[in-house]
N, C-alpha and C. Protein backbone atom coordinates (compact mmCIF):
# COMPACT_ATOMS: atom_id res chain seq x y z
N MET A 1 -13.69 16.59 5.29
CA MET A 1 -12.88 15.71 4.47
C MET A 1 -13.69 14.52 3.99
N LEU A 2 -14.59 13.99 4.81
CA LEU A 2 -15.37 12.83 4.41
C LEU A 2 -16.18 13.09 3.15
N ARG A 3 -16.61 14.32 2.97
CA ARG A 3 -17.39 14.69 1.80
C ARG A 3 -16.64 14.36 0.51
N TYR A 4 -15.32 14.41 0.53
CA TYR A 4 -14.51 14.21 -0.64
C TYR A 4 -13.90 12.81 -0.73
N SER A 5 -14.20 11.97 0.22
CA SER A 5 -13.55 10.67 0.28
C SER A 5 -14.48 9.55 -0.16
N PRO A 6 -14.03 8.73 -1.13
CA PRO A 6 -14.82 7.56 -1.48
C PRO A 6 -14.74 6.47 -0.42
N ALA A 7 -13.80 6.60 0.52
CA ALA A 7 -13.61 5.61 1.59
C ALA A 7 -14.33 6.07 2.85
N ARG A 8 -15.62 6.25 2.77
CA ARG A 8 -16.39 6.73 3.92
C ARG A 8 -16.44 5.67 5.02
N PRO A 9 -16.47 6.14 6.27
CA PRO A 9 -16.59 5.18 7.37
C PRO A 9 -17.92 4.46 7.30
N PRO A 10 -18.07 3.29 7.81
CA PRO A 10 -16.94 2.56 8.40
C PRO A 10 -16.07 1.95 7.31
N ARG A 11 -14.81 2.01 7.52
CA ARG A 11 -13.83 1.36 6.66
C ARG A 11 -12.81 0.72 7.59
N PRO A 12 -12.07 -0.25 7.11
CA PRO A 12 -11.04 -0.83 7.97
C PRO A 12 -10.03 0.25 8.37
N PRO A 13 -9.42 0.13 9.54
CA PRO A 13 -8.40 1.10 9.94
C PRO A 13 -7.28 1.15 8.91
N ALA A 14 -6.81 2.37 8.63
CA ALA A 14 -5.74 2.55 7.66
C ALA A 14 -4.59 3.31 8.31
N GLU A 15 -3.38 3.01 7.87
CA GLU A 15 -2.19 3.71 8.35
C GLU A 15 -1.25 3.94 7.17
N ILE A 16 -0.42 4.95 7.32
CA ILE A 16 0.59 5.24 6.31
C ILE A 16 1.78 4.30 6.52
N VAL A 17 2.19 3.63 5.45
CA VAL A 17 3.29 2.68 5.50
C VAL A 17 4.43 3.23 4.65
N GLY A 18 5.60 3.38 5.26
CA GLY A 18 6.78 3.79 4.52
C GLY A 18 7.07 5.27 4.55
N GLY A 19 6.46 5.99 5.48
CA GLY A 19 6.72 7.43 5.57
C GLY A 19 5.56 8.16 6.22
N ASP A 20 5.31 9.39 5.75
CA ASP A 20 4.19 10.17 6.27
C ASP A 20 3.40 10.73 5.08
N GLY A 21 2.49 11.65 5.37
CA GLY A 21 1.62 12.18 4.33
C GLY A 21 2.37 12.83 3.18
N ASP A 22 3.45 13.53 3.49
CA ASP A 22 4.25 14.14 2.44
C ASP A 22 4.85 13.07 1.53
N ASP A 23 5.29 11.96 2.13
CA ASP A 23 5.82 10.85 1.34
C ASP A 23 4.72 10.20 0.48
N VAL A 24 3.51 10.11 1.01
CA VAL A 24 2.40 9.57 0.22
C VAL A 24 2.16 10.46 -1.00
N LEU A 25 2.10 11.77 -0.79
CA LEU A 25 1.86 12.69 -1.90
C LEU A 25 2.97 12.63 -2.94
N ALA A 26 4.19 12.34 -2.51
CA ALA A 26 5.33 12.25 -3.41
C ALA A 26 5.47 10.86 -4.04
N GLY A 27 4.60 9.92 -3.65
CA GLY A 27 4.65 8.57 -4.21
C GLY A 27 5.67 7.65 -3.57
N ARG A 28 6.20 8.06 -2.41
CA ARG A 28 7.21 7.25 -1.72
C ARG A 28 6.64 6.37 -0.61
N ALA A 29 5.36 6.54 -0.27
CA ALA A 29 4.71 5.76 0.79
C ALA A 29 3.28 5.47 0.37
N LYS A 30 2.63 4.56 1.09
CA LYS A 30 1.26 4.17 0.77
C LYS A 30 0.38 4.26 2.01
N VAL A 31 -0.93 4.30 1.79
CA VAL A 31 -1.90 4.19 2.87
C VAL A 31 -2.54 2.81 2.71
N VAL A 32 -2.43 2.01 3.76
CA VAL A 32 -2.87 0.62 3.69
C VAL A 32 -3.78 0.30 4.88
N CYS A 33 -4.90 -0.35 4.59
CA CYS A 33 -5.82 -0.79 5.65
C CYS A 33 -5.24 -2.01 6.36
N ASP A 34 -5.76 -2.29 7.55
CA ASP A 34 -5.23 -3.42 8.31
C ASP A 34 -5.54 -4.76 7.63
N ASP A 35 -6.43 -4.77 6.64
CA ASP A 35 -6.69 -6.00 5.89
C ASP A 35 -5.80 -6.10 4.65
N GLY A 36 -4.85 -5.13 4.48
CA GLY A 36 -3.91 -5.14 3.37
C GLY A 36 -4.34 -4.36 2.14
N THR A 37 -5.55 -3.81 2.15
CA THR A 37 -6.04 -3.04 1.01
C THR A 37 -5.30 -1.72 0.88
N ASP A 38 -4.78 -1.44 -0.30
CA ASP A 38 -4.09 -0.18 -0.58
C ASP A 38 -5.14 0.87 -0.93
N VAL A 39 -5.25 1.90 -0.09
CA VAL A 39 -6.23 2.97 -0.31
C VAL A 39 -5.54 4.31 -0.57
N THR A 40 -4.30 4.23 -1.02
CA THR A 40 -3.51 5.44 -1.26
C THR A 40 -4.22 6.39 -2.21
N GLU A 41 -4.66 5.89 -3.34
CA GLU A 41 -5.29 6.73 -4.36
C GLU A 41 -6.50 7.48 -3.79
N GLN A 42 -7.33 6.80 -3.01
CA GLN A 42 -8.51 7.44 -2.43
C GLN A 42 -8.12 8.54 -1.45
N PHE A 43 -7.10 8.28 -0.63
CA PHE A 43 -6.66 9.29 0.34
C PHE A 43 -6.07 10.51 -0.37
N VAL A 44 -5.27 10.29 -1.39
CA VAL A 44 -4.67 11.42 -2.12
C VAL A 44 -5.74 12.22 -2.83
N ARG A 45 -6.64 11.54 -3.52
CA ARG A 45 -7.72 12.24 -4.24
C ARG A 45 -8.58 13.05 -3.27
N GLY A 46 -8.97 12.44 -2.16
CA GLY A 46 -9.78 13.14 -1.18
C GLY A 46 -9.07 14.34 -0.57
N ALA A 47 -7.79 14.18 -0.26
CA ALA A 47 -7.00 15.27 0.33
C ALA A 47 -6.90 16.44 -0.64
N ARG A 48 -6.66 16.15 -1.90
CA ARG A 48 -6.52 17.23 -2.89
C ARG A 48 -7.83 17.95 -3.14
N LEU A 49 -8.92 17.21 -3.23
CA LEU A 49 -10.23 17.85 -3.43
C LEU A 49 -10.62 18.72 -2.24
N ALA A 50 -10.44 18.18 -1.03
CA ALA A 50 -10.79 18.94 0.17
C ALA A 50 -9.90 20.17 0.33
N ALA A 51 -8.61 20.03 0.05
CA ALA A 51 -7.69 21.17 0.16
C ALA A 51 -8.07 22.25 -0.84
N GLU A 52 -8.41 21.86 -2.05
CA GLU A 52 -8.82 22.84 -3.06
C GLU A 52 -10.06 23.60 -2.61
N SER A 53 -10.98 22.90 -1.97
CA SER A 53 -12.18 23.55 -1.45
C SER A 53 -11.84 24.61 -0.42
N LEU A 54 -10.88 24.32 0.46
CA LEU A 54 -10.47 25.30 1.47
C LEU A 54 -9.77 26.49 0.84
N VAL A 55 -8.91 26.23 -0.14
CA VAL A 55 -8.21 27.32 -0.84
C VAL A 55 -9.22 28.23 -1.52
N THR A 56 -10.21 27.64 -2.18
CA THR A 56 -11.24 28.41 -2.87
C THR A 56 -12.01 29.31 -1.90
N ARG A 57 -12.19 28.85 -0.69
CA ARG A 57 -12.93 29.61 0.33
C ARG A 57 -12.04 30.61 1.07
N GLY A 58 -10.76 30.61 0.79
CA GLY A 58 -9.86 31.56 1.44
C GLY A 58 -9.45 31.16 2.85
N ILE A 59 -9.62 29.89 3.20
CA ILE A 59 -9.22 29.41 4.52
C ILE A 59 -7.69 29.41 4.61
N THR A 60 -7.16 29.95 5.69
CA THR A 60 -5.70 30.05 5.83
C THR A 60 -5.16 29.27 7.03
N ARG A 61 -6.05 28.76 7.89
CA ARG A 61 -5.61 28.04 9.10
C ARG A 61 -6.66 27.00 9.46
N VAL A 62 -6.18 25.80 9.82
CA VAL A 62 -7.10 24.73 10.24
C VAL A 62 -6.55 24.02 11.47
N THR A 63 -7.44 23.39 12.21
CA THR A 63 -7.07 22.55 13.34
C THR A 63 -7.53 21.13 13.01
N LEU A 64 -6.62 20.17 13.08
CA LEU A 64 -6.90 18.79 12.72
C LEU A 64 -6.61 17.86 13.89
N GLN A 65 -7.29 16.72 13.91
CA GLN A 65 -7.09 15.73 14.97
C GLN A 65 -5.79 14.97 14.74
N ALA A 66 -5.01 14.82 15.77
CA ALA A 66 -3.74 14.10 15.69
C ALA A 66 -3.95 12.61 15.42
N LEU A 67 -2.94 11.97 14.88
CA LEU A 67 -2.79 10.52 14.68
C LEU A 67 -3.45 9.96 13.42
N SER A 68 -4.39 10.62 12.84
CA SER A 68 -5.09 10.11 11.67
C SER A 68 -4.18 10.04 10.44
N PRO A 69 -4.36 9.01 9.57
CA PRO A 69 -3.59 8.97 8.33
C PRO A 69 -4.02 10.07 7.36
N THR A 70 -5.15 10.68 7.64
CA THR A 70 -5.63 11.79 6.83
C THR A 70 -5.23 13.12 7.46
N CYS A 71 -5.70 13.34 8.68
CA CYS A 71 -5.57 14.65 9.32
C CYS A 71 -4.46 14.73 10.35
N GLY A 72 -3.78 13.65 10.61
CA GLY A 72 -2.72 13.66 11.62
C GLY A 72 -1.79 14.85 11.43
N CYS A 73 -1.47 15.49 12.51
CA CYS A 73 -0.65 16.70 12.46
C CYS A 73 0.44 16.58 13.51
N GLY A 74 1.66 16.30 13.06
CA GLY A 74 2.78 16.16 13.99
C GLY A 74 3.00 14.75 14.49
N GLN A 75 1.95 13.94 14.54
CA GLN A 75 2.05 12.58 15.06
C GLN A 75 1.05 11.69 14.31
N ILE A 76 1.52 10.55 13.81
CA ILE A 76 0.66 9.59 13.13
C ILE A 76 1.00 8.19 13.63
N HIS A 77 0.15 7.22 13.31
CA HIS A 77 0.49 5.83 13.62
C HIS A 77 1.60 5.39 12.68
N ASP A 78 2.40 4.42 13.10
CA ASP A 78 3.64 4.10 12.39
C ASP A 78 3.51 3.13 11.22
N GLY A 79 2.31 2.71 10.89
CA GLY A 79 2.11 1.83 9.74
C GLY A 79 2.12 0.35 10.06
N THR A 80 2.29 -0.01 11.33
CA THR A 80 2.32 -1.42 11.72
C THR A 80 0.97 -1.93 12.22
N HIS A 81 0.01 -1.04 12.37
CA HIS A 81 -1.33 -1.37 12.88
C HIS A 81 -1.25 -2.00 14.27
N THR A 82 -0.29 -1.52 15.07
CA THR A 82 -0.13 -2.01 16.44
C THR A 82 -0.45 -0.94 17.48
N GLY A 83 -0.77 0.27 17.02
CA GLY A 83 -1.01 1.38 17.93
C GLY A 83 0.22 2.24 18.16
N ALA A 84 1.37 1.77 17.67
CA ALA A 84 2.61 2.55 17.82
C ALA A 84 2.52 3.83 16.99
N GLN A 85 3.20 4.86 17.46
CA GLN A 85 3.14 6.17 16.80
C GLN A 85 4.53 6.63 16.38
N ARG A 86 4.54 7.60 15.45
CA ARG A 86 5.78 8.20 14.99
C ARG A 86 5.51 9.65 14.61
N PRO A 87 6.54 10.47 14.56
CA PRO A 87 6.34 11.84 14.09
C PRO A 87 5.94 11.86 12.62
N GLY A 88 5.11 12.80 12.26
CA GLY A 88 4.71 12.95 10.86
C GLY A 88 3.32 13.54 10.74
N ASP A 89 2.94 13.83 9.51
CA ASP A 89 1.62 14.38 9.21
C ASP A 89 0.85 13.42 8.32
N GLY A 90 -0.47 13.49 8.39
CA GLY A 90 -1.33 12.72 7.50
C GLY A 90 -1.36 13.33 6.11
N VAL A 91 -2.05 12.67 5.20
CA VAL A 91 -2.08 13.07 3.79
C VAL A 91 -2.75 14.43 3.62
N PHE A 92 -3.90 14.65 4.24
CA PHE A 92 -4.61 15.93 4.12
C PHE A 92 -3.79 17.05 4.75
N ALA A 93 -3.23 16.80 5.92
CA ALA A 93 -2.40 17.81 6.58
C ALA A 93 -1.22 18.20 5.69
N ALA A 94 -0.58 17.22 5.08
CA ALA A 94 0.56 17.50 4.21
C ALA A 94 0.13 18.29 2.98
N GLU A 95 -1.01 17.96 2.41
CA GLU A 95 -1.51 18.69 1.24
C GLU A 95 -1.83 20.14 1.61
N LEU A 96 -2.42 20.34 2.77
CA LEU A 96 -2.72 21.71 3.20
C LEU A 96 -1.43 22.51 3.37
N GLU A 97 -0.44 21.91 4.00
CA GLU A 97 0.83 22.61 4.20
C GLU A 97 1.49 22.94 2.87
N ARG A 98 1.39 22.05 1.90
CA ARG A 98 1.94 22.32 0.57
C ARG A 98 1.26 23.53 -0.08
N ARG A 99 0.00 23.74 0.28
CA ARG A 99 -0.76 24.85 -0.30
C ARG A 99 -0.69 26.12 0.56
N GLY A 100 0.12 26.09 1.60
CA GLY A 100 0.33 27.28 2.41
C GLY A 100 -0.72 27.52 3.48
N ILE A 101 -1.52 26.51 3.78
CA ILE A 101 -2.52 26.62 4.85
C ILE A 101 -1.88 26.15 6.15
N ALA A 102 -1.93 26.99 7.17
CA ALA A 102 -1.36 26.65 8.48
C ALA A 102 -2.18 25.54 9.12
N VAL A 103 -1.49 24.55 9.68
CA VAL A 103 -2.13 23.39 10.30
C VAL A 103 -1.67 23.29 11.74
N GLU A 104 -2.62 23.09 12.65
CA GLU A 104 -2.27 22.82 14.05
C GLU A 104 -3.02 21.60 14.52
N ALA A 105 -2.48 20.92 15.52
CA ALA A 105 -3.04 19.67 16.01
C ALA A 105 -3.98 19.89 17.18
N LEU A 106 -5.07 19.14 17.18
CA LEU A 106 -5.96 19.03 18.33
C LEU A 106 -5.70 17.65 18.89
N ARG A 107 -5.29 17.59 20.14
CA ARG A 107 -5.04 16.29 20.76
C ARG A 107 -5.98 16.13 21.93
N GLY A 108 -6.52 14.94 22.05
CA GLY A 108 -7.42 14.67 23.17
C GLY A 108 -8.84 15.11 22.88
N ASP A 109 -9.53 15.51 23.94
CA ASP A 109 -10.94 15.86 23.83
C ASP A 109 -11.15 17.19 23.14
N ARG A 110 -12.36 17.38 22.66
CA ARG A 110 -12.75 18.65 22.07
C ARG A 110 -12.81 19.72 23.16
N PRO A 111 -12.60 20.98 22.77
CA PRO A 111 -12.74 22.07 23.74
C PRO A 111 -14.20 22.15 24.22
N GLU A 112 -14.38 22.79 25.36
CA GLU A 112 -15.73 23.01 25.87
C GLU A 112 -16.55 23.78 24.84
N SER A 113 -17.87 23.60 24.86
CA SER A 113 -18.71 24.32 23.90
C SER A 113 -18.52 25.81 24.07
N GLY A 114 -18.54 26.51 22.95
CA GLY A 114 -18.33 27.95 22.98
C GLY A 114 -16.90 28.33 22.66
N GLU A 115 -15.97 27.39 22.80
CA GLU A 115 -14.58 27.68 22.44
C GLU A 115 -14.37 27.32 20.98
N SER A 116 -13.52 28.05 20.32
CA SER A 116 -13.24 27.72 18.92
C SER A 116 -12.24 26.58 18.85
N ILE A 117 -12.34 25.81 17.76
CA ILE A 117 -11.37 24.74 17.56
C ILE A 117 -10.64 24.96 16.27
């Protein structure tokens, strides 16, 4: 996903405010950094470009890290920048689901080497 994002790390922490990734894609919510910068356009553009790349390659299933405003799957931060969480998906996860790509969450540590993720 970073390959398609103009907001490469390090960047200020960002959270979805006013909904989840599906709401961002529909224009009902925004992605805002903790310094108040609105980075919605960058997140949407990056999610769409990365999703298109996966569709082109025939990818049908992905595993994403929970809580991220980009890849969060099932659980994201609540938009208050306090560490609180709420149910929902990030922008990239929502875009993948819209395109029919199955998304599952990876929570916690990575699997041991040799295991697929």
